[in-house]
Amino acid sequence: MSVGVATCGVFGLAFWVDRFGQRERAEPSDAVVVLGARVLAGGVPSGALRARTEQAVALYQRGVASKLVFSGGVGVHPPSEARAMLALATRLGVPPEACVLEEQSHSTDDNARLTSALLRELGARRVVVVSDPYHLLRARQYFRLNGFEVLTSPALQTERNLSWVDRCYWTMREAIALLLHPRLLLARAPADVTTP
């Protein structure tokens, strides 16, 4: 009985994770925060990093926010994920002065915690978080725990979203991660704002 309930819980949460992540929620905000992904040998952005950066640049060009905050430390290959995103964004026409870097994070929790100080320096209270669709629900919850109103914008053109096998795998993985951290599921928007 308990195994069946747990299985239903995982599949139900996975369905929520997937549905949540596929929907564009970006609206005018104080900043767009882009969560990092792997940098390949030679400093080449991975497909996920490229798709996330391109999505953020599109939001910037639409006027959603005047600041892009790139969050991600150094992984197996330098430079930092944040610096690789900056290089790509500037090549795509975003002025360097519109970009802020956070180069120490190595997890979603780090992304939210370490960018919080930078966002507060910018006077930001409402942010759009950009990541792969499967990642957005958990990312939103971490930023909520740090006191921000959070909208989300999926990078739909990532390999993990375009392949059904990968999409199912990563969505199930996220559902399990959320169940292992129940405090995330309880995080709410700050009391003085309303988030869709």
N, C-alpha and C. Protein backbone atom coordinates (compact mmCIF):
# COMPACT_ATOMS: atom_id res chain seq x y z
N MET A 1 0.84 -1.21 0.00
CA MET A 1 0.00 0.00 0.00
C MET A 1 0.87 1.26 0.00
N SER A 2 1.84 1.34 0.95
CA SER A 2 2.68 2.53 1.04
C SER A 2 3.54 2.72 -0.20
N VAL A 3 4.00 1.60 -0.81
CA VAL A 3 4.78 1.69 -2.04
C VAL A 3 3.92 2.26 -3.17
N GLY A 4 2.67 1.81 -3.25
CA GLY A 4 1.76 2.33 -4.27
C GLY A 4 1.48 3.80 -4.10
N VAL A 5 1.28 4.23 -2.85
CA VAL A 5 1.03 5.65 -2.56
C VAL A 5 2.25 6.48 -2.94
N ALA A 6 3.44 5.98 -2.57
CA ALA A 6 4.67 6.71 -2.89
C ALA A 6 4.86 6.82 -4.39
N THR A 7 4.58 5.72 -5.10
CA THR A 7 4.72 5.73 -6.56
C THR A 7 3.77 6.72 -7.20
N CYS A 8 2.52 6.72 -6.73
CA CYS A 8 1.54 7.69 -7.25
C CYS A 8 1.99 9.12 -6.95
N GLY A 9 2.58 9.31 -5.76
CA GLY A 9 3.06 10.63 -5.38
C GLY A 9 4.16 11.11 -6.30
N VAL A 10 5.10 10.22 -6.62
CA VAL A 10 6.21 10.59 -7.51
C VAL A 10 5.69 10.92 -8.90
N PHE A 11 4.80 10.08 -9.43
CA PHE A 11 4.27 10.32 -10.78
C PHE A 11 3.41 11.58 -10.83
N GLY A 12 2.63 11.80 -9.78
CA GLY A 12 1.81 13.01 -9.72
C GLY A 12 2.66 14.26 -9.67
N LEU A 13 3.72 14.22 -8.86
CA LEU A 13 4.61 15.37 -8.76
C LEU A 13 5.38 15.57 -10.07
N ALA A 14 5.77 14.47 -10.70
CA ALA A 14 6.47 14.57 -11.99
C ALA A 14 5.58 15.24 -13.04
N PHE A 15 4.31 14.91 -13.04
CA PHE A 15 3.38 15.54 -13.99
C PHE A 15 3.31 17.04 -13.73
N TRP A 16 3.25 17.44 -12.44
CA TRP A 16 3.21 18.86 -12.07
C TRP A 16 4.50 19.55 -12.51
N VAL A 17 5.65 18.92 -12.24
CA VAL A 17 6.95 19.48 -12.62
C VAL A 17 6.98 19.74 -14.13
N ASP A 18 6.53 18.75 -14.91
CA ASP A 18 6.57 18.88 -16.36
C ASP A 18 5.63 19.98 -16.85
N ARG A 19 4.39 19.97 -16.38
CA ARG A 19 3.42 20.97 -16.82
C ARG A 19 3.86 22.38 -16.43
N PHE A 20 4.36 22.51 -15.21
CA PHE A 20 4.83 23.82 -14.74
C PHE A 20 5.95 24.33 -15.63
N GLY A 21 6.90 23.45 -15.94
CA GLY A 21 8.09 23.88 -16.66
C GLY A 21 7.88 24.24 -18.11
N GLN A 22 6.84 23.75 -18.73
CA GLN A 22 6.62 24.00 -20.15
C GLN A 22 5.96 25.36 -20.41
N ARG A 23 5.49 26.02 -19.38
CA ARG A 23 4.72 27.26 -19.56
C ARG A 23 5.58 28.51 -19.37
N GLU A 24 5.47 29.43 -20.31
CA GLU A 24 6.15 30.72 -20.22
C GLU A 24 5.39 31.64 -19.26
N ARG A 25 6.10 32.17 -18.26
CA ARG A 25 5.46 33.04 -17.27
C ARG A 25 6.14 34.41 -17.16
N ALA A 26 7.09 34.70 -18.03
CA ALA A 26 7.85 35.94 -17.90
C ALA A 26 6.95 37.17 -18.10
N GLU A 27 7.13 38.12 -17.21
CA GLU A 27 6.49 39.44 -17.28
C GLU A 27 7.53 40.46 -16.86
N PRO A 28 7.28 41.75 -17.10
CA PRO A 28 8.26 42.76 -16.71
C PRO A 28 8.69 42.59 -15.25
N SER A 29 10.00 42.56 -15.04
CA SER A 29 10.57 42.27 -13.74
C SER A 29 11.82 43.10 -13.52
N ASP A 30 12.38 42.98 -12.32
CA ASP A 30 13.58 43.75 -11.99
C ASP A 30 14.85 43.15 -12.57
N ALA A 31 14.87 41.84 -12.77
CA ALA A 31 16.05 41.17 -13.32
C ALA A 31 15.65 39.81 -13.86
N VAL A 32 16.45 39.33 -14.80
CA VAL A 32 16.34 37.95 -15.29
C VAL A 32 17.54 37.20 -14.74
N VAL A 33 17.30 36.10 -14.04
CA VAL A 33 18.37 35.28 -13.48
C VAL A 33 18.49 34.01 -14.31
N VAL A 34 19.68 33.75 -14.83
CA VAL A 34 19.91 32.58 -15.68
C VAL A 34 20.76 31.58 -14.90
N LEU A 35 20.24 30.37 -14.73
CA LEU A 35 20.95 29.35 -13.98
C LEU A 35 21.90 28.59 -14.90
N GLY A 36 23.09 28.33 -14.40
CA GLY A 36 24.14 27.75 -15.21
C GLY A 36 23.94 26.28 -15.53
N ALA A 37 24.73 25.81 -16.48
CA ALA A 37 24.81 24.41 -16.87
C ALA A 37 26.25 24.18 -17.33
N ARG A 38 26.56 22.95 -17.72
CA ARG A 38 27.95 22.60 -18.01
C ARG A 38 28.62 23.47 -19.07
N VAL A 39 29.92 23.69 -18.82
CA VAL A 39 30.81 24.25 -19.84
C VAL A 39 31.68 23.08 -20.33
N LEU A 40 31.78 22.92 -21.63
CA LEU A 40 32.54 21.82 -22.21
C LEU A 40 34.01 22.20 -22.37
N ALA A 41 34.82 21.23 -22.74
CA ALA A 41 36.25 21.48 -22.95
C ALA A 41 36.45 22.64 -23.92
N GLY A 42 37.45 23.47 -23.62
CA GLY A 42 37.72 24.63 -24.47
C GLY A 42 36.82 25.81 -24.18
N GLY A 43 36.04 25.71 -23.08
CA GLY A 43 35.16 26.82 -22.72
C GLY A 43 33.90 26.92 -23.56
N VAL A 44 33.56 25.85 -24.27
CA VAL A 44 32.38 25.85 -25.14
C VAL A 44 31.12 25.63 -24.29
N PRO A 45 30.10 26.48 -24.45
CA PRO A 45 28.86 26.26 -23.70
C PRO A 45 28.17 24.96 -24.13
N SER A 46 27.69 24.20 -23.17
CA SER A 46 26.88 23.02 -23.49
C SER A 46 25.58 23.48 -24.15
N GLY A 47 24.86 22.52 -24.72
CA GLY A 47 23.58 22.86 -25.35
C GLY A 47 22.62 23.51 -24.38
N ALA A 48 22.58 23.01 -23.14
CA ALA A 48 21.69 23.58 -22.13
C ALA A 48 22.10 25.01 -21.79
N LEU A 49 23.40 25.24 -21.63
CA LEU A 49 23.88 26.58 -21.28
C LEU A 49 23.57 27.57 -22.41
N ARG A 50 23.77 27.12 -23.64
CA ARG A 50 23.48 27.97 -24.80
C ARG A 50 21.98 28.30 -24.86
N ALA A 51 21.13 27.29 -24.70
CA ALA A 51 19.68 27.50 -24.80
C ALA A 51 19.18 28.43 -23.70
N ARG A 52 19.70 28.27 -22.49
CA ARG A 52 19.29 29.13 -21.38
C ARG A 52 19.72 30.58 -21.63
N THR A 53 20.95 30.75 -22.13
CA THR A 53 21.44 32.10 -22.40
C THR A 53 20.64 32.76 -23.53
N GLU A 54 20.38 32.00 -24.58
CA GLU A 54 19.61 32.56 -25.70
C GLU A 54 18.21 32.95 -25.26
N GLN A 55 17.60 32.16 -24.38
CA GLN A 55 16.28 32.51 -23.86
C GLN A 55 16.33 33.81 -23.06
N ALA A 56 17.36 33.95 -22.23
CA ALA A 56 17.51 35.17 -21.43
C ALA A 56 17.74 36.39 -22.32
N VAL A 57 18.54 36.22 -23.35
CA VAL A 57 18.79 37.33 -24.28
C VAL A 57 17.49 37.74 -24.97
N ALA A 58 16.68 36.77 -25.35
CA ALA A 58 15.38 37.08 -25.98
C ALA A 58 14.50 37.88 -25.02
N LEU A 59 14.51 37.51 -23.75
CA LEU A 59 13.72 38.25 -22.74
C LEU A 59 14.25 39.67 -22.60
N TYR A 60 15.57 39.81 -22.57
CA TYR A 60 16.18 41.14 -22.47
C TYR A 60 15.78 41.99 -23.67
N GLN A 61 15.85 41.41 -24.86
CA GLN A 61 15.51 42.16 -26.08
C GLN A 61 14.03 42.53 -26.13
N ARG A 62 13.18 41.75 -25.47
CA ARG A 62 11.75 42.07 -25.38
C ARG A 62 11.47 43.13 -24.32
N GLY A 63 12.48 43.49 -23.52
CA GLY A 63 12.29 44.50 -22.49
C GLY A 63 11.72 43.96 -21.19
N VAL A 64 11.82 42.64 -20.97
CA VAL A 64 11.29 42.05 -19.73
C VAL A 64 12.05 42.58 -18.52
N ALA A 65 13.36 42.77 -18.65
CA ALA A 65 14.18 43.33 -17.56
C ALA A 65 15.40 43.99 -18.17
N SER A 66 15.97 44.94 -17.43
CA SER A 66 17.15 45.64 -17.93
C SER A 66 18.44 45.02 -17.44
N LYS A 67 18.35 44.02 -16.56
CA LYS A 67 19.54 43.36 -16.03
C LYS A 67 19.44 41.85 -16.21
N LEU A 68 20.55 41.23 -16.62
CA LEU A 68 20.67 39.79 -16.69
C LEU A 68 21.68 39.36 -15.63
N VAL A 69 21.29 38.44 -14.77
CA VAL A 69 22.19 37.93 -13.75
C VAL A 69 22.52 36.48 -14.12
N PHE A 70 23.80 36.22 -14.42
CA PHE A 70 24.25 34.89 -14.81
C PHE A 70 24.84 34.21 -13.59
N SER A 71 24.32 33.04 -13.25
CA SER A 71 24.71 32.36 -12.01
C SER A 71 25.27 30.97 -12.30
N GLY A 72 26.53 30.74 -11.93
CA GLY A 72 27.14 29.43 -12.11
C GLY A 72 28.64 29.49 -11.95
N GLY A 73 29.18 28.58 -11.15
CA GLY A 73 30.62 28.55 -10.89
C GLY A 73 31.39 27.75 -11.92
N VAL A 74 32.65 27.46 -11.60
CA VAL A 74 33.52 26.69 -12.48
C VAL A 74 33.29 25.21 -12.21
N GLY A 75 33.02 24.45 -13.27
CA GLY A 75 32.84 23.01 -13.15
C GLY A 75 34.10 22.28 -13.56
N VAL A 76 33.97 21.25 -14.37
CA VAL A 76 35.12 20.47 -14.82
C VAL A 76 36.03 21.31 -15.72
N HIS A 77 35.41 22.14 -16.57
CA HIS A 77 36.17 22.95 -17.52
C HIS A 77 35.91 24.44 -17.27
N PRO A 78 36.98 25.25 -17.23
CA PRO A 78 36.79 26.70 -17.12
C PRO A 78 36.32 27.24 -18.46
N PRO A 79 35.79 28.47 -18.49
CA PRO A 79 35.61 29.38 -17.37
C PRO A 79 34.37 29.02 -16.56
N SER A 80 33.98 29.92 -15.66
CA SER A 80 32.74 29.70 -14.91
C SER A 80 31.56 29.67 -15.86
N GLU A 81 30.51 29.00 -15.46
CA GLU A 81 29.28 28.98 -16.26
C GLU A 81 28.77 30.39 -16.49
N ALA A 82 28.87 31.24 -15.46
CA ALA A 82 28.40 32.62 -15.58
C ALA A 82 29.19 33.38 -16.63
N ARG A 83 30.52 33.18 -16.64
CA ARG A 83 31.36 33.90 -17.60
C ARG A 83 31.12 33.40 -19.03
N ALA A 84 30.88 32.11 -19.17
CA ALA A 84 30.57 31.56 -20.50
C ALA A 84 29.25 32.14 -21.02
N MET A 85 28.27 32.30 -20.13
CA MET A 85 27.00 32.90 -20.53
C MET A 85 27.18 34.37 -20.91
N LEU A 86 28.00 35.07 -20.14
CA LEU A 86 28.28 36.48 -20.45
C LEU A 86 28.88 36.62 -21.85
N ALA A 87 29.86 35.77 -22.15
CA ALA A 87 30.52 35.85 -23.46
C ALA A 87 29.51 35.63 -24.59
N LEU A 88 28.62 34.65 -24.41
CA LEU A 88 27.62 34.37 -25.43
C LEU A 88 26.61 35.51 -25.54
N ALA A 89 26.15 36.02 -24.39
CA ALA A 89 25.15 37.09 -24.40
C ALA A 89 25.68 38.35 -25.07
N THR A 90 26.92 38.69 -24.80
CA THR A 90 27.48 39.90 -25.41
C THR A 90 27.65 39.70 -26.92
N ARG A 91 27.99 38.48 -27.34
CA ARG A 91 28.07 38.21 -28.78
C ARG A 91 26.70 38.35 -29.43
N LEU A 92 25.65 38.11 -28.66
CA LEU A 92 24.28 38.22 -29.18
C LEU A 92 23.71 39.64 -29.03
N GLY A 93 24.55 40.57 -28.57
CA GLY A 93 24.15 41.97 -28.58
C GLY A 93 23.78 42.58 -27.24
N VAL A 94 23.90 41.85 -26.15
CA VAL A 94 23.59 42.43 -24.84
C VAL A 94 24.81 43.22 -24.35
N PRO A 95 24.65 44.47 -23.95
CA PRO A 95 25.80 45.23 -23.47
C PRO A 95 26.33 44.66 -22.16
N PRO A 96 27.65 44.61 -21.98
CA PRO A 96 28.23 44.04 -20.75
C PRO A 96 27.70 44.70 -19.48
N GLU A 97 27.41 46.00 -19.55
CA GLU A 97 26.95 46.70 -18.35
C GLU A 97 25.55 46.27 -17.91
N ALA A 98 24.84 45.55 -18.77
CA ALA A 98 23.52 45.03 -18.40
C ALA A 98 23.62 43.69 -17.69
N CYS A 99 24.85 43.16 -17.55
CA CYS A 99 25.04 41.81 -17.02
C CYS A 99 25.74 41.83 -15.67
N VAL A 100 25.32 40.93 -14.81
CA VAL A 100 25.91 40.75 -13.48
C VAL A 100 26.28 39.27 -13.35
N LEU A 101 27.46 38.99 -12.78
CA LEU A 101 27.93 37.62 -12.67
C LEU A 101 27.96 37.14 -11.23
N GLU A 102 27.53 35.91 -11.02
CA GLU A 102 27.70 35.18 -9.75
C GLU A 102 28.46 33.92 -10.13
N GLU A 103 29.70 33.77 -9.67
CA GLU A 103 30.58 32.73 -10.18
C GLU A 103 31.00 31.68 -9.14
N GLN A 104 30.26 31.56 -8.04
CA GLN A 104 30.65 30.62 -6.99
C GLN A 104 29.70 29.43 -6.85
N SER A 105 28.53 29.49 -7.42
CA SER A 105 27.50 28.48 -7.15
C SER A 105 27.77 27.15 -7.86
N HIS A 106 27.33 26.07 -7.19
CA HIS A 106 27.46 24.72 -7.75
C HIS A 106 26.19 23.91 -7.57
N SER A 107 25.09 24.56 -7.20
CA SER A 107 23.81 23.88 -7.03
C SER A 107 22.70 24.91 -7.17
N THR A 108 21.47 24.44 -7.27
CA THR A 108 20.33 25.36 -7.37
C THR A 108 20.19 26.16 -6.08
N ASP A 109 20.40 25.52 -4.95
CA ASP A 109 20.38 26.21 -3.67
C ASP A 109 21.41 27.33 -3.66
N ASP A 110 22.64 27.03 -4.12
CA ASP A 110 23.68 28.05 -4.23
C ASP A 110 23.25 29.18 -5.14
N ASN A 111 22.69 28.83 -6.31
CA ASN A 111 22.24 29.86 -7.27
C ASN A 111 21.36 30.88 -6.57
N ALA A 112 20.36 30.39 -5.85
CA ALA A 112 19.41 31.29 -5.20
C ALA A 112 20.06 32.07 -4.06
N ARG A 113 20.83 31.36 -3.24
CA ARG A 113 21.42 31.99 -2.05
C ARG A 113 22.47 33.03 -2.43
N LEU A 114 23.35 32.68 -3.38
CA LEU A 114 24.46 33.56 -3.71
C LEU A 114 24.05 34.72 -4.61
N THR A 115 23.01 34.56 -5.40
CA THR A 115 22.55 35.70 -6.21
C THR A 115 21.68 36.66 -5.41
N SER A 116 21.19 36.21 -4.26
CA SER A 116 20.28 37.06 -3.48
C SER A 116 20.91 38.40 -3.12
N ALA A 117 22.17 38.36 -2.66
CA ALA A 117 22.83 39.62 -2.29
C ALA A 117 22.99 40.53 -3.50
N LEU A 118 23.35 39.95 -4.66
CA LEU A 118 23.49 40.74 -5.88
C LEU A 118 22.16 41.35 -6.29
N LEU A 119 21.10 40.56 -6.19
CA LEU A 119 19.77 41.05 -6.57
C LEU A 119 19.33 42.18 -5.65
N ARG A 120 19.60 42.03 -4.37
CA ARG A 120 19.21 43.10 -3.43
C ARG A 120 20.00 44.38 -3.68
N GLU A 121 21.27 44.24 -4.08
CA GLU A 121 22.06 45.43 -4.44
C GLU A 121 21.44 46.15 -5.64
N LEU A 122 20.83 45.37 -6.52
CA LEU A 122 20.15 45.96 -7.69
C LEU A 122 18.77 46.51 -7.33
N GLY A 123 18.32 46.25 -6.10
CA GLY A 123 16.98 46.67 -5.70
C GLY A 123 15.90 45.76 -6.25
N ALA A 124 16.28 44.54 -6.65
CA ALA A 124 15.32 43.62 -7.28
C ALA A 124 14.47 42.91 -6.23
N ARG A 125 13.18 42.84 -6.50
CA ARG A 125 12.26 42.07 -5.67
C ARG A 125 11.51 41.03 -6.50
N ARG A 126 11.35 41.35 -7.77
CA ARG A 126 10.65 40.44 -8.70
C ARG A 126 11.61 40.01 -9.78
N VAL A 127 11.81 38.68 -9.93
CA VAL A 127 12.78 38.17 -10.89
C VAL A 127 12.15 37.12 -11.79
N VAL A 128 12.71 37.00 -12.98
CA VAL A 128 12.37 35.90 -13.88
C VAL A 128 13.55 34.93 -13.85
N VAL A 129 13.29 33.68 -13.54
CA VAL A 129 14.34 32.66 -13.53
C VAL A 129 14.25 31.85 -14.82
N VAL A 130 15.40 31.70 -15.48
CA VAL A 130 15.49 30.93 -16.73
C VAL A 130 16.30 29.67 -16.47
N SER A 131 15.76 28.54 -16.90
CA SER A 131 16.47 27.26 -16.83
C SER A 131 15.76 26.27 -17.76
N ASP A 132 16.22 25.02 -17.73
CA ASP A 132 15.51 23.96 -18.44
C ASP A 132 14.12 23.80 -17.83
N PRO A 133 13.13 23.39 -18.60
CA PRO A 133 11.78 23.26 -18.06
C PRO A 133 11.68 22.38 -16.81
N TYR A 134 12.34 21.22 -16.84
CA TYR A 134 12.23 20.31 -15.69
C TYR A 134 12.76 20.91 -14.39
N HIS A 135 13.61 21.91 -14.49
CA HIS A 135 14.31 22.50 -13.35
C HIS A 135 13.58 23.68 -12.72
N LEU A 136 12.59 24.22 -13.43
CA LEU A 136 12.03 25.52 -13.04
C LEU A 136 11.22 25.50 -11.75
N LEU A 137 10.47 24.46 -11.48
CA LEU A 137 9.67 24.45 -10.25
C LEU A 137 10.57 24.48 -9.03
N ARG A 138 11.59 23.63 -9.01
CA ARG A 138 12.51 23.61 -7.87
C ARG A 138 13.28 24.92 -7.76
N ALA A 139 13.70 25.47 -8.91
CA ALA A 139 14.42 26.74 -8.89
C ALA A 139 13.53 27.85 -8.32
N ARG A 140 12.28 27.89 -8.76
CA ARG A 140 11.36 28.92 -8.24
C ARG A 140 11.25 28.82 -6.72
N GLN A 141 11.14 27.60 -6.22
CA GLN A 141 10.96 27.42 -4.79
C GLN A 141 12.18 27.89 -4.00
N TYR A 142 13.38 27.62 -4.51
CA TYR A 142 14.59 28.09 -3.82
C TYR A 142 14.65 29.61 -3.79
N PHE A 143 14.29 30.26 -4.89
CA PHE A 143 14.31 31.73 -4.91
C PHE A 143 13.21 32.30 -4.02
N ARG A 144 12.08 31.63 -3.93
CA ARG A 144 11.04 32.06 -2.99
C ARG A 144 11.54 31.99 -1.55
N LEU A 145 12.26 30.92 -1.23
CA LEU A 145 12.80 30.79 0.12
C LEU A 145 13.74 31.94 0.47
N ASN A 146 14.33 32.56 -0.55
CA ASN A 146 15.22 33.69 -0.34
C ASN A 146 14.50 35.03 -0.42
N GLY A 147 13.16 35.00 -0.50
CA GLY A 147 12.38 36.21 -0.36
C GLY A 147 11.99 36.94 -1.63
N PHE A 148 12.08 36.28 -2.77
CA PHE A 148 11.77 36.95 -4.03
C PHE A 148 10.43 36.51 -4.61
N GLU A 149 9.79 37.43 -5.30
CA GLU A 149 8.68 37.07 -6.17
C GLU A 149 9.31 36.50 -7.43
N VAL A 150 8.84 35.34 -7.86
CA VAL A 150 9.53 34.62 -8.93
C VAL A 150 8.58 34.25 -10.07
N LEU A 151 8.97 34.66 -11.27
CA LEU A 151 8.33 34.21 -12.49
C LEU A 151 9.33 33.29 -13.19
N THR A 152 8.88 32.48 -14.11
CA THR A 152 9.79 31.53 -14.75
C THR A 152 9.67 31.58 -16.26
N SER A 153 10.79 31.23 -16.92
CA SER A 153 10.83 31.22 -18.38
C SER A 153 11.65 30.02 -18.83
N PRO A 154 11.02 29.05 -19.52
CA PRO A 154 11.74 27.83 -19.89
C PRO A 154 12.59 27.98 -21.14
N ALA A 155 13.78 27.37 -21.08
CA ALA A 155 14.61 27.23 -22.28
C ALA A 155 14.15 25.93 -22.96
N LEU A 156 13.21 26.04 -23.85
CA LEU A 156 12.55 24.87 -24.42
C LEU A 156 13.41 24.10 -25.42
N GLN A 157 14.44 24.74 -25.95
CA GLN A 157 15.24 24.12 -27.01
C GLN A 157 16.43 23.33 -26.49
N THR A 158 16.39 22.86 -25.25
CA THR A 158 17.48 22.06 -24.72
C THR A 158 17.27 20.59 -25.09
N GLU A 159 18.40 19.85 -25.16
CA GLU A 159 18.32 18.43 -25.51
C GLU A 159 17.41 17.67 -24.55
N ARG A 160 17.50 18.04 -23.27
CA ARG A 160 16.73 17.31 -22.25
C ARG A 160 15.23 17.57 -22.36
N ASN A 161 14.84 18.56 -23.11
CA ASN A 161 13.42 18.82 -23.32
C ASN A 161 12.94 18.29 -24.67
N LEU A 162 13.82 18.25 -25.66
CA LEU A 162 13.43 17.85 -27.00
C LEU A 162 13.34 16.33 -27.16
N SER A 163 14.10 15.60 -26.36
CA SER A 163 14.04 14.14 -26.38
C SER A 163 13.06 13.66 -25.31
N TRP A 164 12.05 12.86 -25.72
CA TRP A 164 11.05 12.39 -24.76
C TRP A 164 11.67 11.53 -23.67
N VAL A 165 12.66 10.73 -24.04
CA VAL A 165 13.32 9.87 -23.04
C VAL A 165 14.02 10.74 -22.00
N ASP A 166 14.79 11.72 -22.45
CA ASP A 166 15.49 12.61 -21.52
C ASP A 166 14.50 13.42 -20.70
N ARG A 167 13.45 13.90 -21.36
CA ARG A 167 12.46 14.71 -20.65
C ARG A 167 11.82 13.92 -19.51
N CYS A 168 11.47 12.68 -19.76
CA CYS A 168 10.87 11.83 -18.72
C CYS A 168 11.87 11.55 -17.60
N TYR A 169 13.10 11.23 -17.98
CA TYR A 169 14.12 10.91 -16.99
C TYR A 169 14.36 12.08 -16.05
N TRP A 170 14.62 13.27 -16.62
CA TRP A 170 14.97 14.42 -15.81
C TRP A 170 13.77 14.93 -15.00
N THR A 171 12.58 14.79 -15.54
CA THR A 171 11.38 15.19 -14.81
C THR A 171 11.17 14.28 -13.60
N MET A 172 11.34 12.98 -13.77
CA MET A 172 11.22 12.04 -12.65
C MET A 172 12.29 12.33 -11.60
N ARG A 173 13.48 12.62 -12.05
CA ARG A 173 14.59 12.93 -11.13
C ARG A 173 14.26 14.16 -10.29
N GLU A 174 13.68 15.17 -10.94
CA GLU A 174 13.28 16.38 -10.21
C GLU A 174 12.19 16.09 -9.20
N ALA A 175 11.21 15.27 -9.57
CA ALA A 175 10.13 14.93 -8.65
C ALA A 175 10.69 14.28 -7.39
N ILE A 176 11.63 13.38 -7.57
CA ILE A 176 12.24 12.72 -6.41
C ILE A 176 13.03 13.72 -5.58
N ALA A 177 13.77 14.63 -6.24
CA ALA A 177 14.52 15.66 -5.51
C ALA A 177 13.59 16.53 -4.68
N LEU A 178 12.44 16.88 -5.22
CA LEU A 178 11.48 17.70 -4.47
C LEU A 178 10.91 16.93 -3.28
N LEU A 179 10.63 15.65 -3.47
CA LEU A 179 10.09 14.85 -2.37
C LEU A 179 11.12 14.68 -1.25
N LEU A 180 12.40 14.69 -1.61
CA LEU A 180 13.45 14.56 -0.60
C LEU A 180 13.71 15.87 0.14
N HIS A 181 13.16 16.97 -0.37
CA HIS A 181 13.31 18.28 0.26
C HIS A 181 11.93 18.93 0.41
N PRO A 182 11.10 18.39 1.30
CA PRO A 182 9.71 18.85 1.39
C PRO A 182 9.55 20.33 1.74
N ARG A 183 10.56 20.93 2.39
CA ARG A 183 10.43 22.36 2.71
C ARG A 183 10.30 23.19 1.44
N LEU A 184 10.88 22.69 0.33
CA LEU A 184 10.75 23.43 -0.93
C LEU A 184 9.31 23.50 -1.40
N LEU A 185 8.59 22.41 -1.22
CA LEU A 185 7.19 22.37 -1.68
C LEU A 185 6.32 23.34 -0.90
N LEU A 186 6.77 23.71 0.29
CA LEU A 186 5.97 24.60 1.15
C LEU A 186 6.31 26.08 0.95
N ALA A 187 7.38 26.37 0.18
CA ALA A 187 7.79 27.77 -0.01
C ALA A 187 6.71 28.53 -0.76
N ARG A 188 6.37 29.71 -0.25
CA ARG A 188 5.36 30.56 -0.86
C ARG A 188 5.97 31.89 -1.28
N ALA A 189 5.25 32.60 -2.14
CA ALA A 189 5.69 33.94 -2.53
C ALA A 189 5.65 34.84 -1.30
N PRO A 190 6.51 35.88 -1.26
CA PRO A 190 6.43 36.83 -0.15
C PRO A 190 5.02 37.36 0.03
N ALA A 191 4.67 37.65 1.28
CA ALA A 191 3.28 37.98 1.61
C ALA A 191 2.75 39.22 0.91
N ASP A 192 3.66 40.14 0.53
CA ASP A 192 3.18 41.39 -0.04
C ASP A 192 3.11 41.39 -1.56
N VAL A 193 3.33 40.20 -2.18
CA VAL A 193 3.24 40.12 -3.64
C VAL A 193 2.41 38.91 -4.02
N THR A 194 1.99 38.90 -5.26
CA THR A 194 1.24 37.75 -5.79
C THR A 194 1.95 37.24 -7.03
N THR A 195 2.25 35.94 -7.06
CA THR A 195 2.89 35.32 -8.20
C THR A 195 1.95 34.35 -8.85
N PRO A 196 1.85 34.34 -10.18
CA PRO A 196 0.96 33.38 -10.85
C PRO A 196 1.41 31.95 -10.62
